[in-house]
PDB file of N, CA and C in Angstrom:
ATOM      1  N   MET A   1      77.119 118.075  90.337  1.00  0.00           N
ATOM      2  CA  MET A   1      76.695 117.235  89.221  1.00  0.00           C
ATOM      3  C   MET A   1      75.886 116.064  89.776  1.00  0.00           C
ATOM      4  N   ALA A   2      74.600 116.023  89.467  1.00  0.00           N
ATOM      5  CA  ALA A   2      73.729 114.938  89.900  1.00  0.00           C
ATOM      6  C   ALA A   2      73.881 113.769  88.932  1.00  0.00           C
ATOM      7  N   VAL A   3      74.227 112.618  89.478  1.00  0.00           N
ATOM      8  CA  VAL A   3      74.430 111.426  88.646  1.00  0.00           C
ATOM      9  C   VAL A   3      73.228 110.517  88.797  1.00  0.00           C
ATOM     10  N   ARG A   4      72.778 109.973  87.662  1.00  0.00           N
ATOM     11  CA  ARG A   4      71.679 109.011  87.655  1.00  0.00           C
ATOM     12  C   ARG A   4      72.138 107.722  86.996  1.00  0.00           C
ATOM     13  N   LEU A   5      71.632 106.607  87.510  1.00  0.00           N
ATOM     14  CA  LEU A   5      71.782 105.327  86.827  1.00  0.00           C
ATOM     15  C   LEU A   5      70.524 105.175  85.989  1.00  0.00           C
ATOM     16  N   ARG A   6      70.688 105.058  84.681  1.00  0.00           N
ATOM     17  CA  ARG A   6      69.519 104.997  83.809  1.00  0.00           C
ATOM     18  C   ARG A   6      69.809 104.150  82.581  1.00  0.00           C
ATOM     19  N   LEU A   7      68.756 103.928  81.793  1.00  0.00           N
ATOM     20  CA  LEU A   7      68.870 103.115  80.589  1.00  0.00           C
ATOM     21  C   LEU A   7      69.211 103.993  79.395  1.00  0.00           C
ATOM     22  N   MET A   8      70.100 103.476  78.558  1.00  0.00           N
ATOM     23  CA  MET A   8      70.478 104.145  77.312  1.00  0.00           C
ATOM     24  C   MET A   8      70.084 103.200  76.183  1.00  0.00           C
ATOM     25  N   ARG A   9      69.207 103.630  75.303  1.00  0.00           N
ATOM     26  CA  ARG A   9      68.680 102.750  74.268  1.00  0.00           C
ATOM     27  C   ARG A   9      69.721 102.462  73.196  1.00  0.00           C
ATOM     28  N   MET A  10      69.813 101.190  72.834  1.00  0.00           N
ATOM     29  CA  MET A  10      70.686 100.723  71.767  1.00  0.00           C
ATOM     30  C   MET A  10      69.835  99.827  70.865  1.00  0.00           C
ATOM     31  N   GLY A  11      70.459  99.133  69.950  1.00  0.00           N
ATOM     32  CA  GLY A  11      69.745  98.185  69.109  1.00  0.00           C
ATOM     33  C   GLY A  11      69.192  98.810  67.847  1.00  0.00           C
ATOM     34  N   LYS A  12      68.360  98.019  67.162  1.00  0.00           N
ATOM     35  CA  LYS A  12      67.778  98.458  65.896  1.00  0.00           C
ATOM     36  C   LYS A  12      66.359  98.960  66.113  1.00  0.00           C
ATOM     37  N   LYS A  13      65.781  99.444  65.033  1.00  0.00           N
ATOM     38  CA  LYS A  13      64.405  99.912  65.080  1.00  0.00           C
ATOM     39  C   LYS A  13      63.483  98.765  65.505  1.00  0.00           C
ATOM     40  N   LYS A  14      62.627  99.018  66.476  1.00  0.00           N
ATOM     41  CA  LYS A  14      61.668  98.043  67.008  1.00  0.00           C
ATOM     42  C   LYS A  14      62.325  96.846  67.687  1.00  0.00           C
ATOM     43  N   GLN A  15      63.646  96.883  67.884  1.00  0.00           N
ATOM     44  CA  GLN A  15      64.363  95.802  68.566  1.00  0.00           C
ATOM     45  C   GLN A  15      65.302  96.409  69.611  1.00  0.00           C
ATOM     46  N   PRO A  16      64.737  96.977  70.671  1.00  0.00           N
ATOM     47  CA  PRO A  16      65.581  97.694  71.618  1.00  0.00           C
ATOM     48  C   PRO A  16      66.385  96.777  72.531  1.00  0.00           C
ATOM     49  N   THR A  17      67.587  97.186  72.810  1.00  0.00           N
ATOM     50  CA  THR A  17      68.378  96.679  73.918  1.00  0.00           C
ATOM     51  C   THR A  17      68.870  97.924  74.642  1.00  0.00           C
ATOM     52  N   TYR A  18      69.235  97.766  75.882  1.00  0.00           N
ATOM     53  CA  TYR A  18      69.607  98.929  76.671  1.00  0.00           C
ATOM     54  C   TYR A  18      70.928  98.697  77.383  1.00  0.00           C
ATOM     55  N   ARG A  19      71.673  99.782  77.562  1.00  0.00           N
ATOM     56  CA  ARG A  19      72.828  99.788  78.443  1.00  0.00           C
ATOM     57  C   ARG A  19      72.389 100.484  79.724  1.00  0.00           C
ATOM     58  N   ILE A  20      72.832  99.967  80.847  1.00  0.00           N
ATOM     59  CA  ILE A  20      72.614 100.652  82.113  1.00  0.00           C
ATOM     60  C   ILE A  20      73.855 101.499  82.332  1.00  0.00           C
ATOM     61  N   VAL A  21      73.676 102.814  82.389  1.00  0.00           N
ATOM     62  CA  VAL A  21      74.816 103.722  82.466  1.00  0.00           C
ATOM     63  C   VAL A  21      74.672 104.680  83.644  1.00  0.00           C
ATOM     64  N   ALA A  22      75.821 105.149  84.111  1.00  0.00           N
ATOM     65  CA  ALA A  22      75.869 106.258  85.059  1.00  0.00           C
ATOM     66  C   ALA A  22      76.081 107.506  84.218  1.00  0.00           C
ATOM     67  N   ALA A  23      75.156 108.460  84.327  1.00  0.00           N
ATOM     68  CA  ALA A  23      75.221 109.661  83.490  1.00  0.00           C
ATOM     69  C   ALA A  23      74.780 110.877  84.289  1.00  0.00           C
ATOM     70  N   ASP A  24      75.254 112.031  83.860  1.00  0.00           N
ATOM     71  CA  ASP A  24      74.798 113.287  84.439  1.00  0.00           C
ATOM     72  C   ASP A  24      73.297 113.408  84.163  1.00  0.00           C
ATOM     73  N   ALA A  25      72.536 113.808  85.158  1.00  0.00           N
ATOM     74  CA  ALA A  25      71.078 113.882  85.024  1.00  0.00           C
ATOM     75  C   ALA A  25      70.641 114.867  83.947  1.00  0.00           C
ATOM     76  N   ARG A  26      71.483 115.844  83.621  1.00  0.00           N
ATOM     77  CA  ARG A  26      71.115 116.861  82.634  1.00  0.00           C
ATOM     78  C   ARG A  26      71.387 116.424  81.200  1.00  0.00           C
ATOM     79  N   SER A  27      72.161 115.370  80.993  1.00  0.00           N
ATOM     80  CA  SER A  27      72.479 114.941  79.632  1.00  0.00           C
ATOM     81  C   SER A  27      71.308 114.154  79.039  1.00  0.00           C
ATOM     82  N   PRO A  28      71.156 114.156  77.707  1.00  0.00           N
ATOM     83  CA  PRO A  28      70.036 113.447  77.082  1.00  0.00           C
ATOM     84  C   PRO A  28      70.126 111.930  77.255  1.00  0.00           C
ATOM     85  N   ARG A  29      69.018 111.256  77.003  1.00  0.00           N
ATOM     86  CA  ARG A  29      68.927 109.809  77.227  1.00  0.00           C
ATOM     87  C   ARG A  29      70.054 109.042  76.552  1.00  0.00           C
ATOM     88  N   ASN A  30      70.299 109.316  75.291  1.00  0.00           N
ATOM     89  CA  ASN A  30      71.345 108.603  74.561  1.00  0.00           C
ATOM     90  C   ASN A  30      72.604 109.443  74.415  1.00  0.00           C
ATOM     91  N   GLY A  31      72.747 110.436  75.251  1.00  0.00           N
ATOM     92  CA  GLY A  31      73.891 111.335  75.158  1.00  0.00           C
ATOM     93  C   GLY A  31      75.089 110.839  75.945  1.00  0.00           C
ATOM     94  N   ARG A  32      75.848 111.795  76.414  1.00  0.00           N
ATOM     95  CA  ARG A  32      77.091 111.532  77.119  1.00  0.00           C
ATOM     96  C   ARG A  32      76.828 110.772  78.419  1.00  0.00           C
ATOM     97  N   PHE A  33      77.689 109.803  78.723  1.00  0.00           N
ATOM     98  CA  PHE A  33      77.579 109.058  79.968  1.00  0.00           C
ATOM     99  C   PHE A  33      78.958 108.937  80.594  1.00  0.00           C
ATOM    100  N   ILE A  34      78.986 108.558  81.861  1.00  0.00           N
ATOM    101  CA  ILE A  34      80.240 108.464  82.596  1.00  0.00           C
ATOM    102  C   ILE A  34      80.804 107.049  82.524  1.00  0.00           C
ATOM    103  N   GLU A  35      79.944 106.045  82.776  1.00  0.00           N
ATOM    104  CA  GLU A  35      80.417 104.662  82.815  1.00  0.00           C
ATOM    105  C   GLU A  35      79.266 103.709  82.514  1.00  0.00           C
ATOM    106  N   ILE A  36      79.582 102.599  81.848  1.00  0.00           N
ATOM    107  CA  ILE A  36      78.598 101.546  81.594  1.00  0.00           C
ATOM    108  C   ILE A  36      78.591 100.608  82.797  1.00  0.00           C
ATOM    109  N   VAL A  37      77.404 100.367  83.346  1.00  0.00           N
ATOM    110  CA  VAL A  37      77.266  99.519  84.521  1.00  0.00           C
ATOM    111  C   VAL A  37      76.752  98.133  84.143  1.00  0.00           C
ATOM    112  N   GLY A  38      75.977  98.028  83.059  1.00  0.00           N
ATOM    113  CA  GLY A  38      75.443  96.737  82.656  1.00  0.00           C
ATOM    114  C   GLY A  38      74.616  96.847  81.393  1.00  0.00           C
ATOM    115  N   THR A  39      73.920  95.734  81.055  1.00  0.00           N
ATOM    116  CA  THR A  39      73.057  95.699  79.881  1.00  0.00           C
ATOM    117  C   THR A  39      71.719  95.058  80.255  1.00  0.00           C
ATOM    118  N   TYR A  40      70.706  95.362  79.438  1.00  0.00           N
ATOM    119  CA  TYR A  40      69.359  94.842  79.658  1.00  0.00           C
ATOM    120  C   TYR A  40      68.718  94.611  78.302  1.00  0.00           C
ATOM    121  N   ASP A  41      68.249  93.372  78.064  1.00  0.00           N
ATOM    122  CA  ASP A  41      67.570  93.033  76.818  1.00  0.00           C
ATOM    123  C   ASP A  41      66.161  92.546  77.155  1.00  0.00           C
ATOM    124  N   PRO A  42      65.154  93.407  77.020  1.00  0.00           N
ATOM    125  CA  PRO A  42      63.795  93.027  77.405  1.00  0.00           C
ATOM    126  C   PRO A  42      63.109  92.087  76.424  1.00  0.00           C
ATOM    127  N   ARG A  43      63.679  91.886  75.252  1.00  0.00           N
ATOM    128  CA  ARG A  43      63.009  91.078  74.230  1.00  0.00           C
ATOM    129  C   ARG A  43      63.213  89.590  74.442  1.00  0.00           C
ATOM    130  N   ARG A  44      64.219  89.216  75.186  1.00  0.00           N
ATOM    131  CA  ARG A  44      64.437  87.791  75.454  1.00  0.00           C
ATOM    132  C   ARG A  44      63.449  87.313  76.500  1.00  0.00           C
ATOM    133  N   GLU A  45      63.218  86.020  76.526  1.00  0.00           N
ATOM    134  CA  GLU A  45      62.306  85.445  77.499  1.00  0.00           C
ATOM    135  C   GLU A  45      63.045  84.410  78.313  1.00  0.00           C
ATOM    136  N   PRO A  46      63.367  84.591  79.558  1.00  0.00           N
ATOM    137  CA  PRO A  46      63.175  85.802  80.361  1.00  0.00           C
ATOM    138  C   PRO A  46      64.175  86.889  79.963  1.00  0.00           C
ATOM    139  N   SER A  47      63.912  88.097  80.374  1.00  0.00           N
ATOM    140  CA  SER A  47      64.754  89.242  80.015  1.00  0.00           C
ATOM    141  C   SER A  47      66.207  88.996  80.411  1.00  0.00           C
ATOM    142  N   ALA A  48      67.118  89.342  79.506  1.00  0.00           N
ATOM    143  CA  ALA A  48      68.548  89.161  79.769  1.00  0.00           C
ATOM    144  C   ALA A  48      69.074  90.388  80.509  1.00  0.00           C
ATOM    145  N   ILE A  49      69.609  90.146  81.707  1.00  0.00           N
ATOM    146  CA  ILE A  49      70.140  91.233  82.529  1.00  0.00           C
ATOM    147  C   ILE A  49      71.565  90.883  82.916  1.00  0.00           C
ATOM    148  N   LYS A  50      72.489  91.798  82.624  1.00  0.00           N
ATOM    149  CA  LYS A  50      73.878  91.653  83.056  1.00  0.00           C
ATOM    150  C   LYS A  50      74.269  92.948  83.748  1.00  0.00           C
ATOM    151  N   VAL A  51      74.608  92.846  85.031  1.00  0.00           N
ATOM    152  CA  VAL A  51      74.974  94.035  85.799  1.00  0.00           C
ATOM    153  C   VAL A  51      76.282  93.758  86.525  1.00  0.00           C
ATOM    154  N   ASP A  52      77.207  94.701  86.448  1.00  0.00           N
ATOM    155  CA  ASP A  52      78.427  94.641  87.246  1.00  0.00           C
ATOM    156  C   ASP A  52      78.054  95.187  88.624  1.00  0.00           C
ATOM    157  N   ASN A  53      77.757  94.271  89.557  1.00  0.00           N
ATOM    158  CA  ASN A  53      77.261  94.675  90.871  1.00  0.00           C
ATOM    159  C   ASN A  53      78.233  95.592  91.601  1.00  0.00           C
ATOM    160  N   GLU A  54      79.520  95.353  91.427  1.00  0.00           N
ATOM    161  CA  GLU A  54      80.525  96.178  92.102  1.00  0.00           C
ATOM    162  C   GLU A  54      80.421  97.644  91.653  1.00  0.00           C
ATOM    163  N   LYS A  55      80.307  97.853  90.338  1.00  0.00           N
ATOM    164  CA  LYS A  55      80.175  99.218  89.817  1.00  0.00           C
ATOM    165  C   LYS A  55      78.862  99.851  90.273  1.00  0.00           C
ATOM    166  N   ALA A  56      77.779  99.073  90.229  1.00  0.00           N
ATOM    167  CA  ALA A  56      76.471  99.608  90.616  1.00  0.00           C
ATOM    168  C   ALA A  56      76.467 100.028  92.081  1.00  0.00           C
ATOM    169  N   VAL A  57      77.008  99.191  92.953  1.00  0.00           N
ATOM    170  CA  VAL A  57      77.046  99.516  94.379  1.00  0.00           C
ATOM    171  C   VAL A  57      77.922 100.734  94.620  1.00  0.00           C
ATOM    172  N   ARG A  58      79.042 100.824  93.898  1.00  0.00           N
ATOM    173  CA  ARG A  58      79.924 101.986  94.058  1.00  0.00           C
ATOM    174  C   ARG A  58      79.195 103.280  93.691  1.00  0.00           C
ATOM    175  N   TRP A  59      78.472 103.276  92.561  1.00  0.00           N
ATOM    176  CA  TRP A  59      77.757 104.484  92.144  1.00  0.00           C
ATOM    177  C   TRP A  59      76.631 104.820  93.108  1.00  0.00           C
ATOM    178  N   LEU A  60      75.901 103.810  93.563  1.00  0.00           N
ATOM    179  CA  LEU A  60      74.807 104.061  94.499  1.00  0.00           C
ATOM    180  C   LEU A  60      75.329 104.610  95.823  1.00  0.00           C
ATOM    181  N   SER A  61      76.435 104.067  96.309  1.00  0.00           N
ATOM    182  CA  SER A  61      76.986 104.550  97.576  1.00  0.00           C
ATOM    183  C   SER A  61      77.578 105.946  97.437  1.00  0.00           C
ATOM    184  N   ASN A  62      77.943 106.345  96.215  1.00  0.00           N
ATOM    185  CA  ASN A  62      78.435 107.703  95.978  1.00  0.00           C
ATOM    186  C   ASN A  62      77.299 108.690  95.740  1.00  0.00           C
ATOM    187  N   GLY A  63      76.049 108.223  95.792  1.00  0.00           N
ATOM    188  CA  GLY A  63      74.916 109.136  95.712  1.00  0.00           C
ATOM    189  C   GLY A  63      74.163 109.145  94.400  1.00  0.00           C
ATOM    190  N   ALA A  64      74.468 108.244  93.477  1.00  0.00           N
ATOM    191  CA  ALA A  64      73.741 108.203  92.206  1.00  0.00           C
ATOM    192  C   ALA A  64      72.307 107.737  92.453  1.00  0.00           C
ATOM    193  N   GLN A  65      71.363 108.364  91.779  1.00  0.00           N
ATOM    194  CA  GLN A  65      69.949 108.019  91.913  1.00  0.00           C
ATOM    195  C   GLN A  65      69.533 107.141  90.737  1.00  0.00           C
ATOM    196  N   PRO A  66      69.012 105.931  90.980  1.00  0.00           N
ATOM    197  CA  PRO A  66      68.565 105.094  89.864  1.00  0.00           C
ATOM    198  C   PRO A  66      67.184 105.515  89.376  1.00  0.00           C
ATOM    199  N   SER A  67      66.934 105.308  88.085  1.00  0.00           N
ATOM    200  CA  SER A  67      65.581 105.506  87.564  1.00  0.00           C
ATOM    201  C   SER A  67      64.714 104.360  88.088  1.00  0.00           C
ATOM    202  N   GLU A  68      63.403 104.466  87.912  1.00  0.00           N
ATOM    203  CA  GLU A  68      62.500 103.432  88.428  1.00  0.00           C
ATOM    204  C   GLU A  68      62.821 102.066  87.832  1.00  0.00           C
ATOM    205  N   ARG A  69      62.989 102.015  86.511  1.00  0.00           N
ATOM    206  CA  ARG A  69      63.248 100.743  85.839  1.00  0.00           C
ATOM    207  C   ARG A  69      64.603 100.172  86.247  1.00  0.00           C
ATOM    208  N   VAL A  70      65.612 101.022  86.350  1.00  0.00           N
ATOM    209  CA  VAL A  70      66.945 100.547  86.738  1.00  0.00           C
ATOM    210  C   VAL A  70      66.912 100.020  88.166  1.00  0.00           C
ATOM    211  N   GLU A  71      66.149 100.647  89.039  1.00  0.00           N
ATOM    212  CA  GLU A  71      66.041 100.148  90.410  1.00  0.00           C
ATOM    213  C   GLU A  71      65.454  98.738  90.418  1.00  0.00           C
ATOM    214  N   LYS A  72      64.423  98.500  89.596  1.00  0.00           N
ATOM    215  CA  LYS A  72      63.839  97.158  89.502  1.00  0.00           C
ATOM    216  C   LYS A  72      64.857  96.154  88.967  1.00  0.00           C
ATOM    217  N   ILE A  73      65.631  96.569  87.957  1.00  0.00           N
ATOM    218  CA  ILE A  73      66.646  95.688  87.378  1.00  0.00           C
ATOM    219  C   ILE A  73      67.720  95.366  88.413  1.00  0.00           C
ATOM    220  N   LEU A  74      68.125  96.359  89.196  1.00  0.00           N
ATOM    221  CA  LEU A  74      69.141  96.137  90.225  1.00  0.00           C
ATOM    222  C   LEU A  74      68.626  95.202  91.314  1.00  0.00           C
ATOM    223  N   LYS A  75      67.334  95.280  91.623  1.00  0.00           N
ATOM    224  CA  LYS A  75      66.758  94.365  92.608  1.00  0.00           C
ATOM    225  C   LYS A  75      66.771  92.935  92.081  1.00  0.00           C
ATOM    226  N   ILE A  76      66.480  92.761  90.799  1.00  0.00           N
ATOM    227  CA  ILE A  76      66.491  91.426  90.197  1.00  0.00           C
ATOM    228  C   ILE A  76      67.905  90.854  90.184  1.00  0.00           C
ATOM    229  N   SER A  77      68.895  91.688  89.854  1.00  0.00           N
ATOM    230  CA  SER A  77      70.274  91.209  89.738  1.00  0.00           C
ATOM    231  C   SER A  77      70.946  91.006  91.090  1.00  0.00           C
ATOM    232  N   GLY A  78      70.389  91.584  92.148  1.00  0.00           N
ATOM    233  CA  GLY A  78      70.980  91.435  93.472  1.00  0.00           C
ATOM    234  C   GLY A  78      71.875  92.586  93.885  1.00  0.00           C
ATOM    235  N   ALA A  79      72.128  93.522  93.001  1.00  0.00           N
ATOM    236  CA  ALA A  79      72.995  94.658  93.327  1.00  0.00           C
ATOM    237  C   ALA A  79      72.341  95.559  94.370  1.00  0.00           C
ATOM    238  N   TRP A  80      71.018  95.684  94.323  1.00  0.00           N
ATOM    239  CA  TRP A  80      70.327  96.545  95.282  1.00  0.00           C
ATOM    240  C   TRP A  80      70.475  95.991  96.698  1.00  0.00           C
ATOM    241  N   ASP A  81      70.380  94.655  96.848  1.00  0.00           N
ATOM    242  CA  ASP A  81      70.551  94.039  98.166  1.00  0.00           C
ATOM    243  C   ASP A  81      71.962  94.263  98.693  1.00  0.00           C
ATOM    244  N   GLU A  82      72.959  94.150  97.808  1.00  0.00           N
ATOM    245  CA  GLU A  82      74.344  94.415  98.211  1.00  0.00           C
ATOM    246  C   GLU A  82      74.489  95.852  98.691  1.00  0.00           C
ATOM    247  N   PHE A  83      73.857  96.782  97.994  1.00  0.00           N
ATOM    248  CA  PHE A  83      73.915  98.190  98.381  1.00  0.00           C
ATOM    249  C   PHE A  83      73.259  98.403  99.741  1.00  0.00           C
ATOM    250  N   GLU A  84      72.092  97.803  99.955  1.00  0.00           N
ATOM    251  CA  GLU A  84      71.384  97.957 101.227  1.00  0.00           C
ATOM    252  C   GLU A  84      72.209  97.402 102.383  1.00  0.00           C
ATOM    253  N   THR A  85      72.826  96.230 102.202  1.00  0.00           N
ATOM    254  CA  THR A  85      73.638  95.657 103.281  1.00  0.00           C
ATOM    255  C   THR A  85      74.879  96.510 103.538  1.00  0.00           C
ATOM    256  N   ALA A  86      75.491  97.021 102.478  1.00  0.00           N
ATOM    257  CA  ALA A  86      76.663  97.891 102.655  1.00  0.00           C
ATOM    258  C   ALA A  86      76.268  99.167 103.391  1.00  0.00           C
ATOM    259  N   LYS A  87      75.085  99.688 103.093  1.00  0.00           N
ATOM    260  CA  LYS A  87      74.616 100.915 103.738  1.00  0.00           C
ATOM    261  C   LYS A  87      74.346 100.673 105.224  1.00  0.00           C
ATOM    262  N   THR A  88      73.713  99.542 105.567  1.00  0.00           N
ATOM    263  CA  THR A  88      73.424  99.258 106.974  1.00  0.00           C
ATOM    264  C   THR A  88      74.702  98.951 107.745  1.00  0.00           C
ATOM    265  N   GLN A  89      75.669  98.284 107.098  1.00  0.00           N
ATOM    266  CA  GLN A  89      76.946  98.014 107.763  1.00  0.00           C
ATOM    267  C   GLN A  89      77.700  99.309 108.025  1.00  0.00           C
ATOM    268  N   ALA A  90      77.636 100.246 107.102  1.00  0.00           N
ATOM    269  CA  ALA A  90      78.314 101.529 107.285  1.00  0.00           C
ATOM    270  C   ALA A  90      77.677 102.310 108.433  1.00  0.00           C
ATOM    271  N   LYS A  91      76.346 102.247 108.557  1.00  0.00           N
ATOM    272  CA  LYS A  91      75.667 102.949 109.645  1.00  0.00           C
ATOM    273  C   LYS A  91      75.988 102.317 110.992  1.00  0.00           C
ATOM    274  N   SER A  92      75.973 100.981 111.058  1.00  0.00           N
ATOM    275  CA  SER A  92      76.235 100.305 112.329  1.00  0.00           C
ATOM    276  C   SER A  92      77.714 100.400 112.717  1.00  0.00           C
ATOM    277  N   GLY A  93      78.584 100.522 111.740  1.00  0.00           N
ATOM    278  CA  GLY A  93      80.019 100.639 112.005  1.00  0.00           C
ATOM    279  C   GLY A  93      80.420 102.008 112.504  1.00  0.00           C
ATOM    280  N   SER A  94      79.601 103.024 112.228  1.00  0.00           N
ATOM    281  CA  SER A  94      79.940 104.399 112.634  1.00  0.00           C
ATOM    282  C   SER A  94      79.664 104.637 114.086  1.00  0.00           C
TER     283      SER A  94
END
């Protein structure tokens, strides 16, 4: 089962907000998901981003592939840096 971190659209018509979710890559965009990792509201200025870094790093270290937009969001929130440092520490520790 290939897991992806991706955006799930929520909100009203023409007023999107998104959940960042871990989901099976084969499931539809707004379909079944495994876990909610955070939220993203692009309509606010600046964009409102809330990410549970611990959950995001756990999914990334377990092999989940982020979508392009989610990767950018994770870089902004700092979760991507945490993942990179955890990955380099694991390599140097082995």
